[in-house]
C-alpha atoms as a PDB file:
ATOM      1  CA  UNK A   1     -69.048  38.464   1.201  1.00  0.00           C
ATOM      2  CA  UNK A   2     -71.800  36.945  -0.183  1.00  0.00           C
ATOM      3  CA  UNK A   3     -69.393  34.988  -3.032  1.00  0.00           C
ATOM      4  CA  UNK A   4     -67.367  33.465   0.455  1.00  0.00           C
ATOM      5  CA  UNK A   5     -70.613  32.631   1.765  1.00  0.00           C
ATOM      6  CA  UNK A   6     -72.021  30.741  -1.325  1.00  0.00           C
ATOM      7  CA  UNK A   7     -68.933  28.316  -1.568  1.00  0.00           C
ATOM      8  CA  UNK A   8     -68.769  27.253   2.186  1.00  0.00           C
ATOM      9  CA  UNK A   9     -72.738  26.724   1.815  1.00  0.00           C
ATOM     10  CA  UNK A  10     -71.984  24.292  -1.416  1.00  0.00           C
ATOM     11  CA  UNK A  11     -69.100  22.884   0.242  1.00  0.00           C
ATOM     12  CA  UNK A  12     -70.839  22.081   3.466  1.00  0.00           C
ATOM     13  CA  UNK A  13     -73.178  20.855   1.134  1.00  0.00           C
ATOM     14  CA  UNK A  14     -71.108  18.437  -1.132  1.00  0.00           C
ATOM     15  CA  UNK A  15     -69.593  16.914   2.610  1.00  0.00           C
ATOM     16  CA  UNK A  16     -72.715  16.024   4.284  1.00  0.00           C
ATOM     17  CA  UNK A  17     -74.702  14.897   1.478  1.00  0.00           C
ATOM     18  CA  UNK A  18     -73.578  11.953   1.893  1.00  0.00           C
ATOM     19  CA  UNK A  19     -74.724  11.394   5.388  1.00  0.00           C
ATOM     20  CA  UNK A  20     -77.940  12.906   5.073  1.00  0.00           C
ATOM     21  CA  UNK A  21     -78.714   9.511   2.540  1.00  0.00           C
ATOM     22  CA  UNK A  22     -81.103   7.221   4.706  1.00  0.00           C
ATOM     23  CA  UNK A  23     -80.089   3.374   3.635  1.00  0.00           C
ATOM     24  CA  UNK A  24     -83.335   1.838   4.642  1.00  0.00           C
ATOM     25  CA  UNK A  25     -85.323   3.526   1.553  1.00  0.00           C
ATOM     26  CA  UNK A  26     -82.756   2.379  -0.902  1.00  0.00           C
ATOM     27  CA  UNK A  27     -82.296  -1.672   0.423  1.00  0.00           C
ATOM     28  CA  UNK A  28     -84.957  -4.137  -0.379  1.00  0.00           C
ATOM     29  CA  UNK A  29     -83.818  -5.325   3.630  1.00  0.00           C
ATOM     30  CA  UNK A  30     -82.212  -4.069   6.039  1.00  0.00           C
ATOM     31  CA  UNK A  31     -81.134  -5.520   9.416  1.00  0.00           C
ATOM     32  CA  UNK A  32     -81.804  -4.303  12.620  1.00  0.00           C
ATOM     33  CA  UNK A  33     -80.720  -7.686  15.285  1.00  0.00           C
ATOM     34  CA  UNK A  34     -77.091  -7.537  15.159  1.00  0.00           C
ATOM     35  CA  UNK A  35     -77.096 -11.679  15.326  1.00  0.00           C
ATOM     36  CA  UNK A  36     -79.248 -11.149  12.254  1.00  0.00           C
ATOM     37  CA  UNK A  37     -76.158  -9.140  10.838  1.00  0.00           C
ATOM     38  CA  UNK A  38     -73.611 -11.582  11.843  1.00  0.00           C
ATOM     39  CA  UNK A  39     -75.370 -14.074  10.420  1.00  0.00           C
ATOM     40  CA  UNK A  40     -75.098 -12.279   7.338  1.00  0.00           C
ATOM     41  CA  UNK A  41     -71.636 -11.829   7.427  1.00  0.00           C
ATOM     42  CA  UNK A  42     -71.071 -15.217   8.255  1.00  0.00           C
ATOM     43  CA  UNK A  43     -72.713 -16.638   5.515  1.00  0.00           C
ATOM     44  CA  UNK A  44     -70.643 -14.230   2.677  1.00  0.00           C
ATOM     45  CA  UNK A  45     -67.415 -15.829   4.259  1.00  0.00           C
ATOM     46  CA  UNK A  46     -68.757 -19.351   3.862  1.00  0.00           C
ATOM     47  CA  UNK A  47     -69.782 -18.227  -0.190  1.00  0.00           C
ATOM     48  CA  UNK A  48     -66.497 -16.861  -0.076  1.00  0.00           C
ATOM     49  CA  UNK A  49     -65.097 -20.496   1.011  1.00  0.00           C
ATOM     50  CA  UNK A  50     -67.205 -22.525  -0.676  1.00  0.00           C
ATOM     51  CA  UNK A  51     -67.726 -20.541  -4.139  1.00  0.00           C
ATOM     52  CA  UNK A  52     -63.968 -18.813  -4.209  1.00  0.00           C
ATOM     53  CA  UNK A  53     -61.463 -21.262  -4.728  1.00  0.00           C
ATOM     54  CA  UNK A  54     -58.852 -18.730  -4.506  1.00  0.00           C
ATOM     55  CA  UNK A  55     -60.362 -18.266  -1.006  1.00  0.00           C
ATOM     56  CA  UNK A  56     -59.926 -21.794  -0.304  1.00  0.00           C
ATOM     57  CA  UNK A  57     -55.937 -21.627  -1.156  1.00  0.00           C
ATOM     58  CA  UNK A  58     -55.730 -18.284   1.062  1.00  0.00           C
ATOM     59  CA  UNK A  59     -57.397 -20.452   4.173  1.00  0.00           C
ATOM     60  CA  UNK A  60     -54.735 -23.440   3.664  1.00  0.00           C
ATOM     61  CA  UNK A  61     -52.045 -20.636   3.053  1.00  0.00           C
ATOM     62  CA  UNK A  62     -53.630 -18.901   6.525  1.00  0.00           C
ATOM     63  CA  UNK A  63     -53.255 -21.854   8.698  1.00  0.00           C
ATOM     64  CA  UNK A  64     -49.992 -23.153   6.844  1.00  0.00           C
ATOM     65  CA  UNK A  65     -47.911 -20.057   7.547  1.00  0.00           C
ATOM     66  CA  UNK A  66     -50.125 -20.026  11.665  1.00  0.00           C
ATOM     67  CA  UNK A  67     -49.405 -23.172  12.087  1.00  0.00           C
ATOM     68  CA  UNK A  68     -45.233 -22.486  10.921  1.00  0.00           C
ATOM     69  CA  UNK A  69     -45.376 -19.422  12.731  1.00  0.00           C
ATOM     70  CA  UNK A  70     -45.764 -20.806  15.920  1.00  0.00           C
ATOM     71  CA  UNK A  71     -43.127 -23.317  15.892  1.00  0.00           C
ATOM     72  CA  UNK A  72     -40.602 -20.724  15.322  1.00  0.00           C
ATOM     73  CA  UNK A  73     -42.326 -19.170  18.274  1.00  0.00           C
ATOM     74  CA  UNK A  74     -42.555 -15.157  17.260  1.00  0.00           C
ATOM     75  CA  UNK A  75     -42.890 -12.539  19.298  1.00  0.00           C
ATOM     76  CA  UNK A  76     -46.001 -10.383  20.073  1.00  0.00           C
ATOM     77  CA  UNK A  77     -45.638  -7.864  17.929  1.00  0.00           C
ATOM     78  CA  UNK A  78     -44.265 -10.264  14.996  1.00  0.00           C
ATOM     79  CA  UNK A  79     -47.994 -11.420  15.330  1.00  0.00           C
ATOM     80  CA  UNK A  80     -50.016  -8.767  15.440  1.00  0.00           C
ATOM     81  CA  UNK A  81     -48.061  -7.977  11.659  1.00  0.00           C
ATOM     82  CA  UNK A  82     -48.955 -10.980  10.571  1.00  0.00           C
ATOM     83  CA  UNK A  83     -52.472 -11.613  11.347  1.00  0.00           C
ATOM     84  CA  UNK A  84     -52.864  -7.627  10.167  1.00  0.00           C
ATOM     85  CA  UNK A  85     -51.359  -8.704   7.005  1.00  0.00           C
ATOM     86  CA  UNK A  86     -53.349 -12.065   6.820  1.00  0.00           C
ATOM     87  CA  UNK A  87     -56.405 -10.525   7.370  1.00  0.00           C
ATOM     88  CA  UNK A  88     -55.750  -7.574   4.807  1.00  0.00           C
ATOM     89  CA  UNK A  89     -55.099 -10.048   1.986  1.00  0.00           C
ATOM     90  CA  UNK A  90     -58.844 -11.984   2.897  1.00  0.00           C
ATOM     91  CA  UNK A  91     -60.562  -8.537   3.058  1.00  0.00           C
ATOM     92  CA  UNK A  92     -58.691  -8.063  -0.625  1.00  0.00           C
ATOM     93  CA  UNK A  93     -59.945 -11.087  -2.024  1.00  0.00           C
ATOM     94  CA  UNK A  94     -63.239 -10.642  -0.325  1.00  0.00           C
ATOM     95  CA  UNK A  95     -63.990  -6.707  -1.785  1.00  0.00           C
ATOM     96  CA  UNK A  96     -62.506  -8.328  -5.448  1.00  0.00           C
ATOM     97  CA  UNK A  97     -65.830 -11.414  -4.721  1.00  0.00           C
ATOM     98  CA  UNK A  98     -68.069  -8.709  -3.768  1.00  0.00           C
ATOM     99  CA  UNK A  99     -67.341  -5.421  -7.214  1.00  0.00           C
ATOM    100  CA  UNK A 100     -67.304  -8.375  -9.498  1.00  0.00           C
ATOM    101  CA  UNK A 101     -70.810  -9.626  -7.957  1.00  0.00           C
ATOM    102  CA  UNK A 102     -71.828  -5.813  -8.500  1.00  0.00           C
ATOM    103  CA  UNK A 103     -70.696  -5.727 -11.686  1.00  0.00           C
ATOM    104  CA  UNK A 104     -72.051  -9.172 -12.918  1.00  0.00           C
ATOM    105  CA  UNK A 105     -75.766  -7.755 -11.676  1.00  0.00           C
ATOM    106  CA  UNK A 106     -75.314  -4.346 -13.448  1.00  0.00           C
ATOM    107  CA  UNK A 107     -74.046  -4.951 -16.587  1.00  0.00           C
ATOM    108  CA  UNK A 108     -75.048  -8.532 -18.248  1.00  0.00           C
ATOM    109  CA  UNK A 109     -72.942  -7.503 -21.368  1.00  0.00           C
ATOM    110  CA  UNK A 110     -69.269  -7.630 -21.611  1.00  0.00           C
ATOM    111  CA  UNK A 111     -68.574  -3.492 -21.543  1.00  0.00           C
ATOM    112  CA  UNK A 112     -64.751  -2.435 -21.368  1.00  0.00           C
ATOM    113  CA  UNK A 113     -65.781  -0.211 -17.729  1.00  0.00           C
ATOM    114  CA  UNK A 114     -66.897  -3.270 -15.868  1.00  0.00           C
ATOM    115  CA  UNK A 115     -63.526  -5.142 -17.426  1.00  0.00           C
ATOM    116  CA  UNK A 116     -61.838  -2.178 -15.916  1.00  0.00           C
ATOM    117  CA  UNK A 117     -63.382  -2.762 -12.680  1.00  0.00           C
ATOM    118  CA  UNK A 118     -63.037  -6.361 -12.103  1.00  0.00           C
ATOM    119  CA  UNK A 119     -58.980  -5.976 -13.017  1.00  0.00           C
ATOM    120  CA  UNK A 120     -58.713  -3.277 -10.572  1.00  0.00           C
ATOM    121  CA  UNK A 121     -60.639  -5.153  -7.395  1.00  0.00           C
ATOM    122  CA  UNK A 122     -58.376  -8.155  -8.689  1.00  0.00           C
ATOM    123  CA  UNK A 123     -55.344  -6.036  -8.884  1.00  0.00           C
ATOM    124  CA  UNK A 124     -55.597  -5.175  -5.311  1.00  0.00           C
ATOM    125  CA  UNK A 125     -55.784  -8.319  -4.373  1.00  0.00           C
ATOM    126  CA  UNK A 126     -52.322  -9.381  -6.239  1.00  0.00           C
ATOM    127  CA  UNK A 127     -51.097  -6.338  -4.176  1.00  0.00           C
ATOM    128  CA  UNK A 128     -52.116  -7.548  -1.115  1.00  0.00           C
ATOM    129  CA  UNK A 129     -50.521 -11.121  -1.126  1.00  0.00           C
ATOM    130  CA  UNK A 130     -47.525  -9.878  -3.537  1.00  0.00           C
ATOM    131  CA  UNK A 131     -47.160  -7.036  -0.472  1.00  0.00           C
ATOM    132  CA  UNK A 132     -47.695 -10.840   2.570  1.00  0.00           C
ATOM    133  CA  UNK A 133     -44.694 -12.540   0.942  1.00  0.00           C
ATOM    134  CA  UNK A 134     -42.384  -9.915   1.641  1.00  0.00           C
ATOM    135  CA  UNK A 135     -43.681  -9.192   5.100  1.00  0.00           C
ATOM    136  CA  UNK A 136     -44.383 -13.593   5.486  1.00  0.00           C
ATOM    137  CA  UNK A 137     -40.527 -13.400   4.843  1.00  0.00           C
ATOM    138  CA  UNK A 138     -39.394 -10.685   6.833  1.00  0.00           C
ATOM    139  CA  UNK A 139     -40.634 -11.379  10.097  1.00  0.00           C
ATOM    140  CA  UNK A 140     -40.430 -15.177   9.496  1.00  0.00           C
ATOM    141  CA  UNK A 141     -36.941 -16.226   7.725  1.00  0.00           C
ATOM    142  CA  UNK A 142     -34.244 -14.804  10.779  1.00  0.00           C
ATOM    143  CA  UNK A 143     -36.328 -17.042  13.146  1.00  0.00           C
ATOM    144  CA  UNK A 144     -36.162 -19.604  10.499  1.00  0.00           C
ATOM    145  CA  UNK A 145     -32.594 -18.877  10.016  1.00  0.00           C
ATOM    146  CA  UNK A 146     -31.573 -19.196  13.371  1.00  0.00           C
ATOM    147  CA  UNK A 147     -33.760 -22.012  13.956  1.00  0.00           C
ATOM    148  CA  UNK A 148     -32.027 -23.962  11.791  1.00  0.00           C
ATOM    149  CA  UNK A 149     -28.893 -22.538  13.326  1.00  0.00           C
ATOM    150  CA  UNK A 150     -27.582 -20.169   9.852  1.00  0.00           C
ATOM    151  CA  UNK A 151     -28.344 -16.987  11.403  1.00  0.00           C
END
């Protein structure tokens, strides 16, 4: 019985250990103001638009797809899927940039594991982009064919 209790206690310790970490003890700046937190998020988005060429390309495609969807008059569920898909690709791009920045900060040398981290984060963006193309074709294709009189 004692061995079971010991294993259970270790499992509980492992499960709850992260929740006991206070981020304020490790962060040089922690915002307690929600407006400041929002401004940091908007600053990150602005950084992405100014410094990351792929984000500007994504912005153009996102706007074009939205205009195209408006023109096609897609239904609300299709809008929801389209918005979710676009959001996921944006999030993947943002996380990719964050991973790259953290790796650059952590390692000035070209370490093989730094390359793995950057390449895998980049692959996540590629995966989202390819999936978004298929989803876009599935959602926008039928109404386009109907509008053109092909369906």
